[in-house]
């Protein structure tokens, strides 16, 4: 049991180092999660439960999921950090990005936050200077997709989807370019598409009455236009946060097998382990080989060099 406790402490140290590295990154992609977690209302010890999850039950939420992008790495996602929270309020992402660690060191992140329009993120952006908002085109597009399904005779929805599809086709072409090349192409090729879309949205909005679902779909795009188009001034910023949708799937796919989290601490530990496993996969590592090597080396590894064991720095021992 003592060995297990020591190993948990070592993993916690590794994750803290990952969070310190996370705080130095320039672009963060964020999204509020939707997974509910059932925690039994009884006192248990860590030996008494499995780290398992249940969805659609009353109880705390596993809500905050964050992926980081490194500017020097051409915008490629290099790690993901999951944060287990017991609510959906703004205080949780604020603490995650701008809290104070146990050693008293400030970990106040500055940079660009790519996110949807979940209201809590307004508070996150205002909590510390130097934070910039970037919007999500996928969430804007979703309004028109829903409009098409609910009102099959809508003329606005098909045209909006067609215009947005043009932007996405271009972004796929630009995905392999450097950030400088991507920004140049966005100015020459994407900006005109966005300007045409904006003019068309304004025209259509003037033609529909307030309060309807068509007006709401148009208003979502128009009211959030500055954040939706922030990528036009920063080649590292993505047009959406779809990358996060893929990174939450391991939780969704496994929840039927896991069912429960035995305690809040268990949820936090699960988030730590999943963060390391998924970050290792993003780097192309075999997660088992990574964890096996790291857990073997941690007891004798210098704490001052723990960054060497993070997934984006890791090399297997020879």
Protein backbone atom coordinates (compact mmCIF):
# COMPACT_ATOMS: atom_id res chain seq x y z
CA UNK A 1 0.00 0.00 0.00
CA UNK A 2 2.86 2.37 0.83
CA UNK A 3 4.36 1.75 -2.62
CA UNK A 4 1.00 2.56 -4.24
CA UNK A 5 0.72 5.83 -2.30
CA UNK A 6 4.27 6.77 -3.31
CA UNK A 7 3.50 6.03 -6.94
CA UNK A 8 0.36 8.19 -6.82
CA UNK A 9 2.42 11.06 -5.39
CA UNK A 10 4.95 10.66 -8.21
CA UNK A 11 2.21 10.73 -10.85
CA UNK A 12 0.78 13.86 -9.19
CA UNK A 13 4.22 15.50 -9.41
CA UNK A 14 4.44 14.65 -13.09
CA UNK A 15 1.01 16.12 -13.73
CA UNK A 16 1.90 19.32 -11.88
CA UNK A 17 4.90 19.66 -14.16
CA UNK A 18 2.56 19.20 -17.13
CA UNK A 19 0.33 22.00 -15.84
CA UNK A 20 3.35 24.27 -15.42
CA UNK A 21 4.28 23.61 -19.05
CA UNK A 22 0.66 24.13 -20.03
CA UNK A 23 0.72 27.61 -18.52
CA UNK A 24 3.49 28.63 -20.91
CA UNK A 25 1.51 27.81 -24.06
CA UNK A 26 0.05 30.55 -26.18
CA UNK A 27 -3.17 29.04 -27.50
CA UNK A 28 -5.65 26.99 -25.52
CA UNK A 29 -8.71 25.24 -26.90
CA UNK A 30 -11.46 24.77 -24.35
CA UNK A 31 -14.93 23.36 -24.05
CA UNK A 32 -17.34 22.67 -21.22
CA UNK A 33 -17.89 18.94 -20.81
CA UNK A 34 -21.21 17.16 -20.48
CA UNK A 35 -20.32 14.06 -18.49
CA UNK A 36 -22.15 13.62 -15.19
CA UNK A 37 -20.45 11.49 -12.60
CA UNK A 38 -22.11 9.48 -9.87
CA UNK A 39 -20.33 9.58 -6.51
CA UNK A 40 -21.81 7.39 -3.77
CA UNK A 41 -23.03 9.33 -0.74
CA UNK A 42 -21.07 7.16 1.68
CA UNK A 43 -17.61 7.41 3.12
CA UNK A 44 -15.20 4.98 1.48
CA UNK A 45 -11.49 4.41 1.46
CA UNK A 46 -9.49 4.30 -1.74
CA UNK A 47 -9.28 0.50 -1.59
CA UNK A 48 -13.07 0.19 -1.65
CA UNK A 49 -13.94 1.47 -5.10
CA UNK A 50 -13.04 1.36 -8.74
CA UNK A 51 -12.50 4.53 -10.76
CA UNK A 52 -15.68 4.26 -12.81
CA UNK A 53 -18.15 6.72 -14.27
CA UNK A 54 -21.88 6.96 -14.85
CA UNK A 55 -23.73 9.35 -17.14
CA UNK A 56 -27.26 10.75 -16.69
CA UNK A 57 -27.36 10.47 -12.91
CA UNK A 58 -27.59 13.13 -10.25
CA UNK A 59 -24.20 14.15 -9.01
CA UNK A 60 -21.09 16.22 -9.76
CA UNK A 61 -20.06 17.00 -13.30
CA UNK A 62 -16.83 16.17 -15.04
CA UNK A 63 -16.95 19.47 -16.88
CA UNK A 64 -13.72 21.12 -17.92
CA UNK A 65 -11.61 19.78 -20.72
CA UNK A 66 -8.73 21.71 -22.21
CA UNK A 67 -6.31 21.06 -25.04
CA UNK A 68 -3.23 23.18 -25.58
CA UNK A 69 -1.51 24.19 -28.78
CA UNK A 70 2.09 25.31 -28.98
CA UNK A 71 2.77 28.19 -31.37
CA UNK A 72 6.22 26.86 -32.21
CA UNK A 73 4.68 23.55 -33.18
CA UNK A 74 2.61 24.86 -36.08
CA UNK A 75 -0.68 24.77 -34.19
CA UNK A 76 -0.61 21.01 -33.66
CA UNK A 77 -2.22 19.86 -30.42
CA UNK A 78 0.58 18.54 -28.23
CA UNK A 79 -1.21 17.72 -25.00
CA UNK A 80 -4.57 17.62 -23.31
CA UNK A 81 -5.42 18.29 -19.68
CA UNK A 82 -8.68 17.08 -18.14
CA UNK A 83 -9.94 18.77 -15.00
CA UNK A 84 -12.49 17.10 -12.74
CA UNK A 85 -14.92 19.61 -11.22
CA UNK A 86 -18.04 19.35 -9.09
CA UNK A 87 -19.98 22.05 -10.94
CA UNK A 88 -20.24 24.03 -14.16
CA UNK A 89 -19.50 27.50 -12.78
CA UNK A 90 -16.84 29.86 -14.08
CA UNK A 91 -14.79 29.45 -10.90
CA UNK A 92 -13.49 26.07 -12.08
CA UNK A 93 -11.88 27.09 -15.40
CA UNK A 94 -10.73 30.32 -13.75
CA UNK A 95 -8.91 28.30 -11.08
CA UNK A 96 -7.52 25.90 -13.67
CA UNK A 97 -6.04 28.61 -15.90
CA UNK A 98 -5.33 31.27 -13.32
CA UNK A 99 -5.10 29.72 -9.90
CA UNK A 100 -2.26 29.48 -7.44
CA UNK A 101 -0.51 26.15 -7.07
CA UNK A 102 0.19 24.49 -3.72
CA UNK A 103 3.78 25.74 -3.71
CA UNK A 104 2.49 29.31 -3.88
CA UNK A 105 3.61 29.95 -7.45
CA UNK A 106 1.23 31.82 -9.73
CA UNK A 107 0.04 29.88 -12.74
CA UNK A 108 -1.90 32.63 -14.51
CA UNK A 109 -2.18 31.73 -18.14
CA UNK A 110 -2.14 34.37 -20.90
CA UNK A 111 -2.91 33.80 -24.57
CA UNK A 112 -5.76 32.98 -26.94
CA UNK A 113 -8.70 30.91 -25.71
CA UNK A 114 -10.54 29.10 -28.50
CA UNK A 115 -13.98 28.33 -27.11
CA UNK A 116 -17.71 28.23 -27.74
CA UNK A 117 -20.04 30.89 -26.33
CA UNK A 118 -20.63 29.18 -22.98
CA UNK A 119 -21.15 32.17 -20.69
CA UNK A 120 -18.62 31.06 -18.08
CA UNK A 121 -15.76 31.72 -20.48
CA UNK A 122 -16.46 35.47 -20.37
CA UNK A 123 -15.44 35.43 -16.73
CA UNK A 124 -12.40 33.30 -17.54
CA UNK A 125 -11.23 35.85 -20.12
CA UNK A 126 -11.79 38.77 -17.75
CA UNK A 127 -10.08 37.10 -14.80
CA UNK A 128 -6.56 37.97 -15.94
CA UNK A 129 -5.15 40.47 -18.46
CA UNK A 130 -3.67 39.27 -21.72
CA UNK A 131 -6.38 36.74 -22.57
CA UNK A 132 -7.91 36.86 -26.05
CA UNK A 133 -11.15 35.20 -27.18
CA UNK A 134 -11.46 33.19 -30.38
CA UNK A 135 -14.80 31.72 -31.44
CA UNK A 136 -15.92 28.39 -32.83
CA UNK A 137 -17.30 28.20 -36.37
CA UNK A 138 -18.62 24.68 -35.76
CA UNK A 139 -20.98 25.98 -33.08
CA UNK A 140 -22.21 28.72 -35.42
CA UNK A 141 -22.72 26.17 -38.18
CA UNK A 142 -24.68 23.93 -35.82
CA UNK A 143 -27.39 26.60 -35.56
CA UNK A 144 -28.04 26.38 -39.28
CA UNK A 145 -27.93 22.61 -39.26
CA UNK A 146 -30.60 22.58 -36.54
CA UNK A 147 -32.59 25.17 -38.48
CA UNK A 148 -32.53 22.94 -41.56
CA UNK A 149 -33.75 19.94 -39.57
CA UNK A 150 -36.51 21.90 -37.82
CA UNK A 151 -37.62 23.92 -40.81
CA UNK A 152 -37.02 21.91 -43.95
CA UNK A 153 -38.32 24.74 -46.11
CA UNK A 154 -35.81 27.28 -44.81
CA UNK A 155 -33.87 29.07 -47.53
CA UNK A 156 -31.41 30.59 -45.06
CA UNK A 157 -30.03 27.35 -43.64
CA UNK A 158 -28.86 25.69 -46.91
CA UNK A 159 -27.15 28.86 -48.11
CA UNK A 160 -25.45 29.44 -44.76
CA UNK A 161 -24.19 25.85 -44.72
CA UNK A 162 -22.93 26.18 -48.29
CA UNK A 163 -20.97 29.32 -47.49
CA UNK A 164 -19.52 27.84 -44.31
CA UNK A 165 -18.54 24.70 -46.24
CA UNK A 166 -16.48 26.90 -48.56
CA UNK A 167 -14.53 28.23 -45.58
CA UNK A 168 -13.93 24.73 -44.22
CA UNK A 169 -12.72 23.45 -47.60
CA UNK A 170 -10.16 26.24 -47.71
CA UNK A 171 -9.09 25.61 -44.10
CA UNK A 172 -8.41 21.95 -44.95
CA UNK A 173 -6.09 23.13 -47.72
CA UNK A 174 -4.27 25.41 -45.29
CA UNK A 175 -3.86 22.84 -42.52
CA UNK A 176 -0.41 21.70 -43.69
CA UNK A 177 1.03 25.21 -44.05
CA UNK A 178 3.13 27.08 -41.52
CA UNK A 179 1.34 29.66 -39.42
CA UNK A 180 2.83 32.49 -41.51
CA UNK A 181 1.77 30.89 -44.79
CA UNK A 182 -1.66 30.08 -43.39
CA UNK A 183 -2.18 33.67 -42.26
CA UNK A 184 -1.19 35.00 -45.69
CA UNK A 185 -3.63 32.65 -47.44
CA UNK A 186 -6.37 33.56 -44.99
CA UNK A 187 -5.90 37.20 -45.87
CA UNK A 188 -5.93 36.58 -49.61
CA UNK A 189 -8.47 33.74 -49.86
CA UNK A 190 -10.46 33.31 -46.63
CA UNK A 191 -11.09 36.94 -45.69
CA UNK A 192 -13.18 37.64 -48.83
CA UNK A 193 -15.33 34.57 -48.06
CA UNK A 194 -15.91 35.82 -44.52
CA UNK A 195 -16.74 39.33 -45.73
CA UNK A 196 -19.27 37.94 -48.22
CA UNK A 197 -20.77 35.74 -45.51
CA UNK A 198 -21.07 38.70 -43.14
CA UNK A 199 -22.82 40.88 -45.73
CA UNK A 200 -25.22 38.06 -46.58
CA UNK A 201 -25.99 37.36 -42.90
CA UNK A 202 -26.79 41.03 -42.29
CA UNK A 203 -29.09 41.12 -45.32
CA UNK A 204 -30.96 37.99 -44.27
CA UNK A 205 -31.27 39.24 -40.69
CA UNK A 206 -32.99 42.39 -41.93
CA UNK A 207 -35.59 40.21 -43.65
CA UNK A 208 -36.66 38.01 -40.73
CA UNK A 209 -38.65 38.98 -37.61
CA UNK A 210 -37.15 38.89 -34.15
CA UNK A 211 -37.60 35.92 -31.87
CA UNK A 212 -37.76 33.10 -34.42
CA UNK A 213 -35.22 30.30 -34.74
CA UNK A 214 -33.94 31.78 -38.00
CA UNK A 215 -33.26 35.10 -36.26
CA UNK A 216 -31.54 33.30 -33.39
CA UNK A 217 -29.26 31.37 -35.76
CA UNK A 218 -28.30 34.57 -37.60
CA UNK A 219 -27.84 36.52 -34.36
CA UNK A 220 -25.44 33.91 -32.98
CA UNK A 221 -23.09 34.46 -35.90
CA UNK A 222 -23.46 38.25 -36.08
CA UNK A 223 -23.13 38.92 -32.34
CA UNK A 224 -20.01 36.78 -32.12
CA UNK A 225 -18.42 37.96 -35.36
CA UNK A 226 -15.23 39.45 -33.81
CA UNK A 227 -14.36 36.17 -32.07
CA UNK A 228 -15.44 33.98 -35.00
CA UNK A 229 -13.01 35.84 -37.26
CA UNK A 230 -10.09 36.14 -34.85
CA UNK A 231 -8.23 33.43 -36.77
CA UNK A 232 -7.91 35.92 -39.65
CA UNK A 233 -5.32 37.84 -37.61
CA UNK A 234 -3.54 34.84 -36.08
CA UNK A 235 -2.38 31.93 -38.22
CA UNK A 236 -2.02 29.66 -35.20
CA UNK A 237 -5.68 29.90 -34.21
CA UNK A 238 -8.13 27.28 -35.46
CA UNK A 239 -11.56 28.16 -36.84
CA UNK A 240 -13.23 25.92 -34.26
CA UNK A 241 -12.70 23.76 -31.18
CA UNK A 242 -13.67 20.48 -32.88
CA UNK A 243 -10.36 19.03 -31.72
CA UNK A 244 -11.85 18.93 -28.23
CA UNK A 245 -14.81 16.89 -29.36
CA UNK A 246 -12.46 14.07 -30.35
CA UNK A 247 -10.46 14.33 -27.14
CA UNK A 248 -13.52 13.84 -24.91
CA UNK A 249 -14.56 10.65 -26.71
CA UNK A 250 -12.46 8.31 -24.52
CA UNK A 251 -14.68 9.31 -21.58
CA UNK A 252 -17.88 8.90 -23.56
CA UNK A 253 -16.84 5.54 -25.01
CA UNK A 254 -15.78 4.14 -21.66
CA UNK A 255 -18.51 5.42 -19.39
CA UNK A 256 -20.77 2.37 -19.81
CA UNK A 257 -17.97 0.15 -18.57
CA UNK A 258 -16.72 2.46 -15.83
CA UNK A 259 -20.12 3.52 -14.42
CA UNK A 260 -18.89 5.02 -11.12
CA UNK A 261 -16.33 7.29 -9.55
CA UNK A 262 -15.95 6.27 -5.92
CA UNK A 263 -15.16 9.77 -4.67
CA UNK A 264 -14.23 13.26 -5.76
CA UNK A 265 -10.58 12.35 -5.26
CA UNK A 266 -11.03 9.36 -7.54
CA UNK A 267 -12.43 11.62 -10.25
CA UNK A 268 -9.44 13.92 -9.92
CA UNK A 269 -7.02 11.00 -10.14
CA UNK A 270 -8.84 9.62 -13.18
CA UNK A 271 -8.51 13.01 -14.88
CA UNK A 272 -4.76 13.06 -14.17
CA UNK A 273 -4.17 9.57 -15.56
CA UNK A 274 -6.34 10.19 -18.63
CA UNK A 275 -4.48 13.46 -19.29
CA UNK A 276 -1.14 11.66 -19.38
CA UNK A 277 -2.46 8.73 -21.43
CA UNK A 278 -4.17 10.89 -24.06
CA UNK A 279 -1.22 13.28 -24.27
CA UNK A 280 1.06 10.31 -24.88
CA UNK A 281 -1.23 9.16 -27.69
CA UNK A 282 -1.18 12.65 -29.23
CA UNK A 283 2.60 12.34 -29.40
CA UNK A 284 2.37 8.97 -31.12
CA UNK A 285 3.54 7.00 -28.06
CA UNK A 286 2.18 3.66 -26.95
CA UNK A 287 0.46 4.69 -23.67
CA UNK A 288 1.39 1.43 -21.91
CA UNK A 289 5.05 1.76 -22.91
CA UNK A 290 5.06 5.40 -21.82
CA UNK A 291 3.51 4.81 -18.39
CA UNK A 292 5.57 1.67 -17.77
CA UNK A 293 8.80 3.50 -18.52
CA UNK A 294 7.86 6.64 -16.58
CA UNK A 295 6.66 4.77 -13.49
CA UNK A 296 9.88 2.78 -13.49
CA UNK A 297 12.06 5.87 -13.72
CA UNK A 298 10.14 8.26 -11.47
CA UNK A 299 11.46 6.96 -8.09
CA UNK A 300 15.07 7.78 -9.01
CA UNK A 301 14.49 10.64 -11.42
CA UNK A 302 15.56 14.12 -10.32
CA UNK A 303 12.55 16.31 -9.62
CA UNK A 304 14.35 19.25 -11.21
CA UNK A 305 14.36 17.29 -14.49
CA UNK A 306 10.82 15.92 -14.32
CA UNK A 307 9.91 17.80 -17.50
CA UNK A 308 11.91 15.17 -19.38
CA UNK A 309 9.19 12.63 -18.57
CA UNK A 310 6.28 14.65 -19.92
CA UNK A 311 4.73 13.08 -23.04
CA UNK A 312 5.95 15.76 -25.46
CA UNK A 313 9.54 15.49 -24.11
CA UNK A 314 9.71 11.76 -23.33
CA UNK A 315 12.22 9.35 -24.81
CA UNK A 316 12.30 5.74 -23.58
CA UNK A 317 15.23 4.71 -21.40
CA UNK A 318 17.97 2.96 -23.33
